[in-house]
Each structure stands twice: as structure tokens, then as C-alpha cells.
Amino acid sequence: MRERRAARESRRAREFAAFAAGAGGRLLHAATLLTGEAPGDIPGGPLGENSAAERLLTAALARTYARWDRLRGEDPYDHTRRELATLFANRAWRYRRPRDGLLGRLTPQERLVLVLRLHEGVAEEQAAAALGLPVERVRAICTRSVALMRSHAPETRRERPEPRRAAGAAS
């Protein structure tokens, strides 16, 4: 009996470790966007152990691991993303203060909607269900947030250079 249980726990740990290794980067990027941390702290860069995004992701992964055996056909990435969104929404008061970067100007709810809709590609209906909001409200928040970001975005448009003409071409 103990051997079977040990084998099951070992298999569970291996499966979860493989999932976390594969999905961890994308989930950490989503957590970084949610917490509004500085652009230099995006995955691939040096995130510290005390990073709010890492703490948020660790809590979401811990909840997913606790339910790992009960997921039964449910996509673990979707489950972890929902846990991430739920934890962020429950702790949103911690992320209220303005931060650097474009997302730092948004409220936690606006950041959550943008990350779910635009970064993660979650449908409006699914995002609304996950957040407990009407679909129209999610649509309005997303539209308002995108407009706010566009109005505060640095101007990156440049004048288009004249097309080069081939040497010897007649004018």
C-alpha cells in the first residue's frame, strides 16, 4: 500500500514539475504584468526572490499542485491562470499604488482584464465568468484601459522615409 502511494506521489510530483517547467515562464510573465513591476523585471531578467510576481505565481502553483489529482482532464494551465487571477483580485489592494511603466497607470482590475483578454487571449465571456462581472463590463473596462494606455504611450511613430529609387532611374 505504501509503495503504491509513494509511486503515485512520485508520478504526481514529476507531472507537476514538467508542467511548471513548461508553463512557468508564461505564467510568470502574466504575473509580472498583473503586479505592474518595472519593465526591467520581465522574465528573462533578474527577478528577485521577493518579487511580487514570483510570490503571486508561487501561491497559484501551490494551489494547483494541491488540486493536481482532482483536475481530471481540466487544463492545468487554465486552472493555474484562474488561480493567479483570483489571488491577484483578492490581493489587489497591495498593487494599488502607481508603479513604473505603462501598466502601472491602470487600476488592478483594469490590469487584470487586460492581461486576461489581451495577453492570455481569454474570451470575454470566460473573463467575465472568472471575474464575476457582466460581459459588457469586461468589454468596457478593456476598451477604456486600451484607450488610456494609447493616450499615455510614448510617441513611437516616425516619418516614413522616401522610398529609394534605383540608381539611374528616370525621375
N, C-alpha and C. Protein backbone atom coordinates (compact mmCIF):
# COMPACT_ATOMS: atom_id res chain seq x y z
N MET A 1 0.82 -1.19 0.00
CA MET A 1 0.00 0.00 0.00
C MET A 1 0.86 1.26 0.00
N ARG A 2 1.88 1.29 0.87
CA ARG A 2 2.77 2.44 0.93
C ARG A 2 3.54 2.62 -0.37
N GLU A 3 3.93 1.51 -0.97
CA GLU A 3 4.69 1.58 -2.22
C GLU A 3 3.84 2.19 -3.33
N ARG A 4 2.58 1.78 -3.39
CA ARG A 4 1.68 2.36 -4.39
C ARG A 4 1.49 3.84 -4.17
N ARG A 5 1.30 4.22 -2.94
CA ARG A 5 1.11 5.64 -2.63
C ARG A 5 2.37 6.44 -2.94
N ALA A 6 3.52 5.88 -2.61
CA ALA A 6 4.79 6.55 -2.91
C ALA A 6 4.97 6.69 -4.42
N ALA A 7 4.61 5.66 -5.18
CA ALA A 7 4.72 5.71 -6.64
C ALA A 7 3.76 6.77 -7.20
N ARG A 8 2.56 6.84 -6.65
CA ARG A 8 1.58 7.84 -7.11
C ARG A 8 2.07 9.26 -6.80
N GLU A 9 2.60 9.47 -5.61
CA GLU A 9 3.13 10.78 -5.23
C GLU A 9 4.31 11.17 -6.11
N SER A 10 5.16 10.19 -6.41
CA SER A 10 6.32 10.45 -7.27
C SER A 10 5.86 10.83 -8.68
N ARG A 11 4.87 10.11 -9.22
CA ARG A 11 4.34 10.43 -10.54
C ARG A 11 3.70 11.82 -10.55
N ARG A 12 2.96 12.11 -9.50
CA ARG A 12 2.31 13.42 -9.37
C ARG A 12 3.35 14.54 -9.36
N ALA A 13 4.40 14.35 -8.59
CA ALA A 13 5.46 15.35 -8.49
C ALA A 13 6.16 15.54 -9.84
N ARG A 14 6.43 14.44 -10.55
CA ARG A 14 7.08 14.54 -11.87
C ARG A 14 6.19 15.26 -12.87
N GLU A 15 4.90 14.91 -12.89
CA GLU A 15 3.97 15.56 -13.82
C GLU A 15 3.87 17.05 -13.54
N PHE A 16 3.76 17.39 -12.27
CA PHE A 16 3.63 18.80 -11.91
C PHE A 16 4.91 19.56 -12.23
N ALA A 17 6.06 18.95 -11.95
CA ALA A 17 7.34 19.61 -12.24
C ALA A 17 7.47 19.86 -13.75
N ALA A 18 7.05 18.92 -14.56
CA ALA A 18 7.10 19.10 -16.01
C ALA A 18 6.17 20.24 -16.44
N PHE A 19 4.98 20.27 -15.85
CA PHE A 19 4.04 21.35 -16.17
C PHE A 19 4.61 22.70 -15.77
N ALA A 20 5.12 22.80 -14.55
CA ALA A 20 5.65 24.07 -14.04
C ALA A 20 6.84 24.54 -14.87
N ALA A 21 7.68 23.60 -15.29
CA ALA A 21 8.84 23.98 -16.12
C ALA A 21 8.39 24.49 -17.48
N GLY A 22 7.36 23.89 -18.03
CA GLY A 22 6.89 24.30 -19.34
C GLY A 22 6.07 25.57 -19.34
N ALA A 23 5.23 25.75 -18.35
CA ALA A 23 4.30 26.89 -18.33
C ALA A 23 4.76 28.01 -17.41
N GLY A 24 5.78 27.77 -16.62
CA GLY A 24 6.21 28.75 -15.63
C GLY A 24 6.60 30.09 -16.20
N GLY A 25 7.30 30.10 -17.32
CA GLY A 25 7.74 31.36 -17.91
C GLY A 25 6.59 32.25 -18.33
N ARG A 26 5.63 31.66 -19.02
CA ARG A 26 4.47 32.44 -19.48
C ARG A 26 3.62 32.90 -18.29
N LEU A 27 3.45 32.03 -17.32
CA LEU A 27 2.69 32.41 -16.13
C LEU A 27 3.41 33.50 -15.33
N LEU A 28 4.72 33.43 -15.27
CA LEU A 28 5.48 34.47 -14.56
C LEU A 28 5.36 35.80 -15.30
N HIS A 29 5.37 35.75 -16.61
CA HIS A 29 5.19 36.99 -17.38
C HIS A 29 3.81 37.60 -17.11
N ALA A 30 2.78 36.76 -17.08
CA ALA A 30 1.43 37.25 -16.76
C ALA A 30 1.39 37.83 -15.35
N ALA A 31 2.03 37.17 -14.39
CA ALA A 31 2.06 37.67 -13.02
C ALA A 31 2.81 39.00 -12.95
N THR A 32 3.88 39.13 -13.74
CA THR A 32 4.64 40.38 -13.77
C THR A 32 3.79 41.51 -14.32
N LEU A 33 3.01 41.22 -15.36
CA LEU A 33 2.12 42.23 -15.92
C LEU A 33 1.04 42.62 -14.91
N LEU A 34 0.51 41.64 -14.21
CA LEU A 34 -0.53 41.92 -13.22
C LEU A 34 -0.02 42.80 -12.09
N THR A 35 1.14 42.49 -11.58
CA THR A 35 1.65 43.25 -10.44
C THR A 35 2.19 44.60 -10.86
N GLY A 36 2.41 44.80 -12.15
CA GLY A 36 2.87 46.09 -12.63
C GLY A 36 4.31 46.37 -12.27
N GLU A 37 5.11 45.34 -12.16
CA GLU A 37 6.52 45.54 -11.82
C GLU A 37 7.24 46.22 -12.97
N ALA A 38 8.39 46.76 -12.67
CA ALA A 38 9.16 47.53 -13.64
C ALA A 38 9.48 46.70 -14.87
N PRO A 39 9.53 47.34 -16.06
CA PRO A 39 9.81 46.61 -17.30
C PRO A 39 11.11 45.83 -17.28
N GLY A 40 12.09 46.26 -16.54
CA GLY A 40 13.36 45.54 -16.48
C GLY A 40 13.25 44.22 -15.74
N ASP A 41 12.12 44.01 -15.04
CA ASP A 41 11.94 42.80 -14.24
C ASP A 41 11.15 41.73 -14.98
N ILE A 42 10.98 41.88 -16.26
CA ILE A 42 10.21 40.90 -17.03
C ILE A 42 11.02 39.61 -17.13
N PRO A 43 10.36 38.45 -17.16
CA PRO A 43 11.07 37.18 -17.18
C PRO A 43 12.20 37.16 -18.20
N GLY A 44 13.27 36.54 -17.80
CA GLY A 44 14.48 36.55 -18.60
C GLY A 44 15.48 37.50 -17.96
N GLY A 45 14.95 38.44 -17.18
CA GLY A 45 15.78 39.38 -16.45
C GLY A 45 15.93 38.91 -15.03
N PRO A 46 16.61 39.68 -14.22
CA PRO A 46 16.85 39.25 -12.84
C PRO A 46 15.69 39.59 -11.91
N LEU A 47 14.80 38.65 -11.72
CA LEU A 47 13.74 38.85 -10.72
C LEU A 47 14.27 38.35 -9.38
N GLY A 48 14.00 39.10 -8.36
CA GLY A 48 14.48 38.70 -7.04
C GLY A 48 13.52 37.73 -6.38
N GLU A 49 13.98 37.11 -5.31
CA GLU A 49 13.13 36.17 -4.60
C GLU A 49 11.95 36.87 -3.95
N ASN A 50 12.06 38.16 -3.71
CA ASN A 50 10.99 38.90 -3.06
C ASN A 50 10.09 39.59 -4.07
N SER A 51 10.19 39.22 -5.32
CA SER A 51 9.38 39.81 -6.36
C SER A 51 7.90 39.48 -6.10
N ALA A 52 7.05 40.49 -6.23
CA ALA A 52 5.62 40.28 -6.02
C ALA A 52 5.06 39.30 -7.03
N ALA A 53 5.56 39.35 -8.26
CA ALA A 53 5.09 38.43 -9.31
C ALA A 53 5.46 36.99 -8.96
N GLU A 54 6.66 36.79 -8.46
CA GLU A 54 7.07 35.43 -8.09
C GLU A 54 6.26 34.90 -6.91
N ARG A 55 5.99 35.77 -5.95
CA ARG A 55 5.17 35.34 -4.81
C ARG A 55 3.76 34.97 -5.25
N LEU A 56 3.21 35.78 -6.15
CA LEU A 56 1.87 35.52 -6.67
C LEU A 56 1.83 34.21 -7.44
N LEU A 57 2.81 33.99 -8.30
CA LEU A 57 2.87 32.76 -9.08
C LEU A 57 3.09 31.54 -8.19
N THR A 58 3.96 31.67 -7.20
CA THR A 58 4.21 30.55 -6.29
C THR A 58 2.93 30.14 -5.57
N ALA A 59 2.15 31.11 -5.13
CA ALA A 59 0.89 30.79 -4.45
C ALA A 59 -0.09 30.12 -5.41
N ALA A 60 -0.16 30.59 -6.65
CA ALA A 60 -1.06 29.98 -7.64
C ALA A 60 -0.62 28.56 -7.97
N LEU A 61 0.68 28.35 -8.12
CA LEU A 61 1.18 27.00 -8.41
C LEU A 61 0.96 26.06 -7.23
N ALA A 62 1.09 26.58 -6.01
CA ALA A 62 0.83 25.75 -4.82
C ALA A 62 -0.62 25.30 -4.78
N ARG A 63 -1.53 26.19 -5.12
CA ARG A 63 -2.94 25.80 -5.16
C ARG A 63 -3.21 24.78 -6.25
N THR A 64 -2.56 24.95 -7.39
CA THR A 64 -2.74 23.99 -8.49
C THR A 64 -2.18 22.63 -8.08
N TYR A 65 -1.03 22.61 -7.44
CA TYR A 65 -0.43 21.34 -7.01
C TYR A 65 -1.34 20.63 -6.00
N ALA A 66 -1.95 21.40 -5.12
CA ALA A 66 -2.85 20.80 -4.12
C ALA A 66 -4.04 20.13 -4.78
N ARG A 67 -4.47 20.62 -5.93
CA ARG A 67 -5.62 20.05 -6.64
C ARG A 67 -5.21 19.17 -7.82
N TRP A 68 -3.93 18.90 -7.98
CA TRP A 68 -3.41 18.23 -9.17
C TRP A 68 -4.14 16.94 -9.50
N ASP A 69 -4.38 16.10 -8.51
CA ASP A 69 -5.04 14.81 -8.76
C ASP A 69 -6.52 14.97 -9.11
N ARG A 70 -7.11 16.09 -8.73
CA ARG A 70 -8.55 16.29 -8.96
C ARG A 70 -8.84 17.08 -10.24
N LEU A 71 -7.82 17.45 -11.00
CA LEU A 71 -8.06 18.23 -12.22
C LEU A 71 -8.76 17.40 -13.29
N ARG A 72 -8.45 16.14 -13.40
CA ARG A 72 -9.11 15.18 -14.29
C ARG A 72 -9.57 15.77 -15.62
N GLY A 73 -8.66 15.91 -16.51
CA GLY A 73 -8.99 16.38 -17.85
C GLY A 73 -9.02 17.88 -18.00
N GLU A 74 -9.03 18.61 -16.89
CA GLU A 74 -9.00 20.07 -16.96
C GLU A 74 -7.58 20.51 -17.30
N ASP A 75 -7.45 21.52 -18.11
CA ASP A 75 -6.14 22.02 -18.49
C ASP A 75 -5.47 22.65 -17.27
N PRO A 76 -4.30 22.15 -16.85
CA PRO A 76 -3.67 22.73 -15.66
C PRO A 76 -3.24 24.18 -15.86
N TYR A 77 -2.93 24.56 -17.11
CA TYR A 77 -2.56 25.95 -17.37
C TYR A 77 -3.75 26.86 -17.12
N ASP A 78 -4.93 26.48 -17.62
CA ASP A 78 -6.13 27.28 -17.38
C ASP A 78 -6.45 27.37 -15.90
N HIS A 79 -6.29 26.26 -15.20
CA HIS A 79 -6.57 26.26 -13.76
C HIS A 79 -5.60 27.20 -13.03
N THR A 80 -4.33 27.11 -13.38
CA THR A 80 -3.33 27.97 -12.72
C THR A 80 -3.57 29.43 -13.06
N ARG A 81 -3.96 29.72 -14.30
CA ARG A 81 -4.25 31.10 -14.69
C ARG A 81 -5.44 31.63 -13.89
N ARG A 82 -6.47 30.81 -13.69
CA ARG A 82 -7.62 31.23 -12.87
C ARG A 82 -7.20 31.48 -11.44
N GLU A 83 -6.35 30.60 -10.90
CA GLU A 83 -5.85 30.79 -9.53
C GLU A 83 -5.05 32.09 -9.44
N LEU A 84 -4.23 32.34 -10.44
CA LEU A 84 -3.43 33.57 -10.49
C LEU A 84 -4.34 34.80 -10.48
N ALA A 85 -5.38 34.76 -11.31
CA ALA A 85 -6.33 35.88 -11.38
C ALA A 85 -7.08 36.05 -10.06
N THR A 86 -7.49 34.95 -9.47
CA THR A 86 -8.22 35.01 -8.20
C THR A 86 -7.34 35.56 -7.08
N LEU A 87 -6.12 35.06 -6.99
CA LEU A 87 -5.21 35.55 -5.97
C LEU A 87 -4.91 37.03 -6.16
N PHE A 88 -4.70 37.43 -7.42
CA PHE A 88 -4.43 38.83 -7.69
C PHE A 88 -5.63 39.69 -7.30
N ALA A 89 -6.83 39.26 -7.67
CA ALA A 89 -8.04 40.03 -7.34
C ALA A 89 -8.22 40.14 -5.83
N ASN A 90 -7.94 39.07 -5.10
CA ASN A 90 -8.09 39.09 -3.64
C ASN A 90 -7.03 39.95 -2.96
N ARG A 91 -5.89 40.12 -3.62
CA ARG A 91 -4.80 40.89 -3.03
C ARG A 91 -4.60 42.23 -3.76
N ALA A 92 -5.58 42.66 -4.52
CA ALA A 92 -5.42 43.83 -5.38
C ALA A 92 -5.06 45.09 -4.60
N TRP A 93 -5.48 45.20 -3.37
CA TRP A 93 -5.17 46.40 -2.59
C TRP A 93 -3.67 46.60 -2.45
N ARG A 94 -2.89 45.51 -2.56
CA ARG A 94 -1.43 45.62 -2.46
C ARG A 94 -0.81 46.28 -3.69
N TYR A 95 -1.54 46.22 -4.80
CA TYR A 95 -1.00 46.71 -6.07
C TYR A 95 -1.65 48.02 -6.49
N ARG A 96 -2.25 48.73 -5.57
CA ARG A 96 -2.98 49.96 -5.83
C ARG A 96 -2.07 51.12 -6.20
N ARG A 97 -0.92 51.20 -5.55
CA ARG A 97 -0.05 52.36 -5.74
C ARG A 97 0.51 52.38 -7.16
N PRO A 98 0.69 53.57 -7.72
CA PRO A 98 1.21 53.67 -9.08
C PRO A 98 2.63 53.10 -9.17
N ARG A 99 2.88 52.44 -10.26
CA ARG A 99 4.19 51.85 -10.49
C ARG A 99 4.72 52.38 -11.81
N ASP A 100 5.97 52.06 -12.06
CA ASP A 100 6.58 52.47 -13.31
C ASP A 100 5.94 51.71 -14.47
N GLY A 101 6.10 52.25 -15.64
CA GLY A 101 5.63 51.56 -16.83
C GLY A 101 4.21 51.93 -17.20
N LEU A 102 3.83 51.49 -18.35
CA LEU A 102 2.53 51.81 -18.91
C LEU A 102 1.40 51.16 -18.12
N LEU A 103 1.58 49.90 -17.70
CA LEU A 103 0.54 49.22 -16.95
C LEU A 103 0.40 49.76 -15.53
N GLY A 104 1.42 50.42 -15.04
CA GLY A 104 1.38 50.97 -13.70
C GLY A 104 0.33 52.06 -13.52
N ARG A 105 -0.11 52.66 -14.61
CA ARG A 105 -1.13 53.71 -14.53
C ARG A 105 -2.54 53.15 -14.38
N LEU A 106 -2.70 51.87 -14.62
CA LEU A 106 -4.02 51.25 -14.57
C LEU A 106 -4.34 50.74 -13.17
N THR A 107 -5.62 50.64 -12.89
CA THR A 107 -6.04 50.06 -11.61
C THR A 107 -5.80 48.55 -11.68
N PRO A 108 -5.76 47.87 -10.54
CA PRO A 108 -5.58 46.42 -10.57
C PRO A 108 -6.63 45.69 -11.41
N GLN A 109 -7.88 46.14 -11.33
CA GLN A 109 -8.94 45.49 -12.12
C GLN A 109 -8.70 45.68 -13.62
N GLU A 110 -8.28 46.87 -14.01
CA GLU A 110 -8.00 47.13 -15.42
C GLU A 110 -6.83 46.28 -15.90
N ARG A 111 -5.79 46.17 -15.06
CA ARG A 111 -4.64 45.32 -15.43
C ARG A 111 -5.07 43.88 -15.58
N LEU A 112 -5.90 43.40 -14.65
CA LEU A 112 -6.36 42.01 -14.68
C LEU A 112 -7.14 41.73 -15.95
N VAL A 113 -8.05 42.62 -16.30
CA VAL A 113 -8.84 42.43 -17.52
C VAL A 113 -7.95 42.45 -18.75
N LEU A 114 -7.01 43.40 -18.81
CA LEU A 114 -6.12 43.47 -19.98
C LEU A 114 -5.24 42.24 -20.10
N VAL A 115 -4.69 41.78 -19.00
CA VAL A 115 -3.83 40.61 -19.07
C VAL A 115 -4.62 39.38 -19.51
N LEU A 116 -5.81 39.20 -18.93
CA LEU A 116 -6.61 38.05 -19.33
C LEU A 116 -7.05 38.14 -20.79
N ARG A 117 -7.54 39.30 -21.18
CA ARG A 117 -8.09 39.43 -22.54
C ARG A 117 -7.00 39.53 -23.61
N LEU A 118 -6.01 40.38 -23.43
CA LEU A 118 -5.07 40.66 -24.49
C LEU A 118 -3.81 39.79 -24.43
N HIS A 119 -3.27 39.59 -23.24
CA HIS A 119 -2.04 38.79 -23.14
C HIS A 119 -2.35 37.30 -23.20
N GLU A 120 -3.33 36.87 -22.44
CA GLU A 120 -3.66 35.45 -22.37
C GLU A 120 -4.67 35.01 -23.43
N GLY A 121 -5.37 35.96 -24.04
CA GLY A 121 -6.32 35.61 -25.10
C GLY A 121 -7.59 34.93 -24.61
N VAL A 122 -8.00 35.22 -23.40
CA VAL A 122 -9.22 34.64 -22.84
C VAL A 122 -10.42 35.36 -23.43
N ALA A 123 -11.44 34.62 -23.82
CA ALA A 123 -12.65 35.21 -24.38
C ALA A 123 -13.35 36.08 -23.35
N GLU A 124 -14.10 37.07 -23.84
CA GLU A 124 -14.80 37.99 -22.93
C GLU A 124 -15.71 37.25 -21.97
N GLU A 125 -16.41 36.25 -22.47
CA GLU A 125 -17.34 35.50 -21.63
C GLU A 125 -16.61 34.76 -20.52
N GLN A 126 -15.47 34.15 -20.86
CA GLN A 126 -14.70 33.43 -19.85
C GLN A 126 -14.09 34.39 -18.83
N ALA A 127 -13.58 35.51 -19.30
CA ALA A 127 -13.02 36.50 -18.38
C ALA A 127 -14.09 37.03 -17.45
N ALA A 128 -15.26 37.29 -17.99
CA ALA A 128 -16.37 37.80 -17.18
C ALA A 128 -16.77 36.78 -16.11
N ALA A 129 -16.84 35.51 -16.51
CA ALA A 129 -17.21 34.46 -15.56
C ALA A 129 -16.14 34.32 -14.47
N ALA A 130 -14.88 34.39 -14.86
CA ALA A 130 -13.79 34.26 -13.89
C ALA A 130 -13.77 35.41 -12.90
N LEU A 131 -14.14 36.62 -13.38
CA LEU A 131 -14.09 37.79 -12.52
C LEU A 131 -15.42 38.09 -11.83
N GLY A 132 -16.47 37.37 -12.22
CA GLY A 132 -17.78 37.62 -11.63
C GLY A 132 -18.39 38.94 -12.08
N LEU A 133 -18.10 39.33 -13.31
CA LEU A 133 -18.62 40.58 -13.87
C LEU A 133 -19.45 40.29 -15.11
N PRO A 134 -20.36 41.20 -15.46
CA PRO A 134 -21.08 41.04 -16.72
C PRO A 134 -20.12 41.21 -17.91
N VAL A 135 -20.44 40.56 -19.01
CA VAL A 135 -19.60 40.63 -20.21
C VAL A 135 -19.43 42.08 -20.66
N GLU A 136 -20.50 42.86 -20.59
CA GLU A 136 -20.45 44.26 -21.03
C GLU A 136 -19.45 45.06 -20.18
N ARG A 137 -19.39 44.74 -18.91
CA ARG A 137 -18.46 45.44 -18.01
C ARG A 137 -17.01 45.11 -18.38
N VAL A 138 -16.74 43.84 -18.65
CA VAL A 138 -15.39 43.42 -19.06
C VAL A 138 -15.01 44.12 -20.36
N ARG A 139 -15.94 44.18 -21.30
CA ARG A 139 -15.70 44.86 -22.58
C ARG A 139 -15.41 46.34 -22.36
N ALA A 140 -16.18 46.98 -21.49
CA ALA A 140 -15.99 48.41 -21.23
C ALA A 140 -14.64 48.68 -20.54
N ILE A 141 -14.29 47.84 -19.57
CA ILE A 141 -13.01 48.00 -18.88
C ILE A 141 -11.86 47.83 -19.86
N CYS A 142 -11.95 46.83 -20.71
CA CYS A 142 -10.89 46.58 -21.68
C CYS A 142 -10.75 47.75 -22.66
N THR A 143 -11.86 48.23 -23.16
CA THR A 143 -11.83 49.35 -24.10
C THR A 143 -11.26 50.60 -23.45
N ARG A 144 -11.72 50.90 -22.24
CA ARG A 144 -11.23 52.08 -21.52
C ARG A 144 -9.74 51.97 -21.20
N SER A 145 -9.30 50.80 -20.81
CA SER A 145 -7.90 50.60 -20.46
C SER A 145 -6.99 50.74 -21.68
N VAL A 146 -7.41 50.18 -22.80
CA VAL A 146 -6.61 50.30 -24.02
C VAL A 146 -6.53 51.76 -24.45
N ALA A 147 -7.66 52.47 -24.36
CA ALA A 147 -7.66 53.89 -24.72
C ALA A 147 -6.74 54.69 -23.80
N LEU A 148 -6.76 54.38 -22.51
CA LEU A 148 -5.89 55.06 -21.55
C LEU A 148 -4.42 54.78 -21.85
N MET A 149 -4.11 53.54 -22.16
CA MET A 149 -2.73 53.19 -22.48
C MET A 149 -2.27 53.89 -23.76
N ARG A 150 -3.15 53.95 -24.75
CA ARG A 150 -2.78 54.62 -26.00
C ARG A 150 -2.55 56.11 -25.79
N SER A 151 -3.34 56.71 -24.92
CA SER A 151 -3.19 58.15 -24.69
C SER A 151 -1.91 58.48 -23.93
N HIS A 152 -1.40 57.53 -23.16
CA HIS A 152 -0.19 57.76 -22.37
C HIS A 152 1.05 57.10 -22.98
N ALA A 153 0.88 56.40 -24.08
CA ALA A 153 2.02 55.70 -24.70
C ALA A 153 2.99 56.71 -25.29
N PRO A 154 4.27 56.43 -25.20
CA PRO A 154 5.25 57.33 -25.81
C PRO A 154 5.08 57.31 -27.33
N GLU A 155 5.30 58.45 -27.93
CA GLU A 155 5.15 58.56 -29.37
C GLU A 155 6.29 57.81 -30.04
N THR A 156 5.95 56.78 -30.79
CA THR A 156 6.99 55.99 -31.45
C THR A 156 6.89 56.07 -32.96
N ARG A 157 5.92 56.82 -33.45
CA ARG A 157 5.77 56.93 -34.90
C ARG A 157 6.84 57.86 -35.45
N ARG A 158 7.36 57.48 -36.57
CA ARG A 158 8.36 58.30 -37.24
C ARG A 158 7.86 58.57 -38.66
N GLU A 159 8.37 59.63 -39.18
CA GLU A 159 8.04 59.92 -40.57
C GLU A 159 8.62 58.82 -41.44
N ARG A 160 7.83 58.38 -42.39
CA ARG A 160 8.31 57.34 -43.30
C ARG A 160 9.32 57.96 -44.26
N PRO A 161 10.45 57.34 -44.41
CA PRO A 161 11.43 57.88 -45.36
C PRO A 161 10.93 57.68 -46.79
N GLU A 162 11.36 58.57 -47.63
CA GLU A 162 11.00 58.44 -49.04
C GLU A 162 11.59 57.15 -49.57
N PRO A 163 10.83 56.43 -50.40
CA PRO A 163 11.38 55.20 -50.96
C PRO A 163 12.58 55.53 -51.84
N ARG A 164 13.58 54.71 -51.72
CA ARG A 164 14.78 54.91 -52.51
C ARG A 164 14.52 54.52 -53.95
N ARG A 165 15.04 55.30 -54.82
CA ARG A 165 14.92 54.97 -56.23
C ARG A 165 16.20 54.34 -56.68
N ALA A 166 16.07 53.43 -57.58
CA ALA A 166 17.25 52.74 -58.08
C ALA A 166 18.13 53.74 -58.84
N ALA A 167 19.44 53.55 -58.75
CA ALA A 167 20.38 54.43 -59.43
C ALA A 167 20.12 54.37 -60.93
N GLY A 168 20.10 55.50 -61.52
CA GLY A 168 19.91 55.56 -62.97
C GLY A 168 18.45 55.58 -63.38
N ALA A 169 17.52 55.53 -62.41
CA ALA A 169 16.12 55.56 -62.76
C ALA A 169 15.72 56.97 -63.11
N ALA A 170 14.90 57.11 -64.10
CA ALA A 170 14.46 58.43 -64.54
C ALA A 170 13.42 58.97 -63.59
N SER A 171 13.49 60.29 -63.35
CA SER A 171 12.54 60.91 -62.44
C SER A 171 11.31 61.32 -63.17
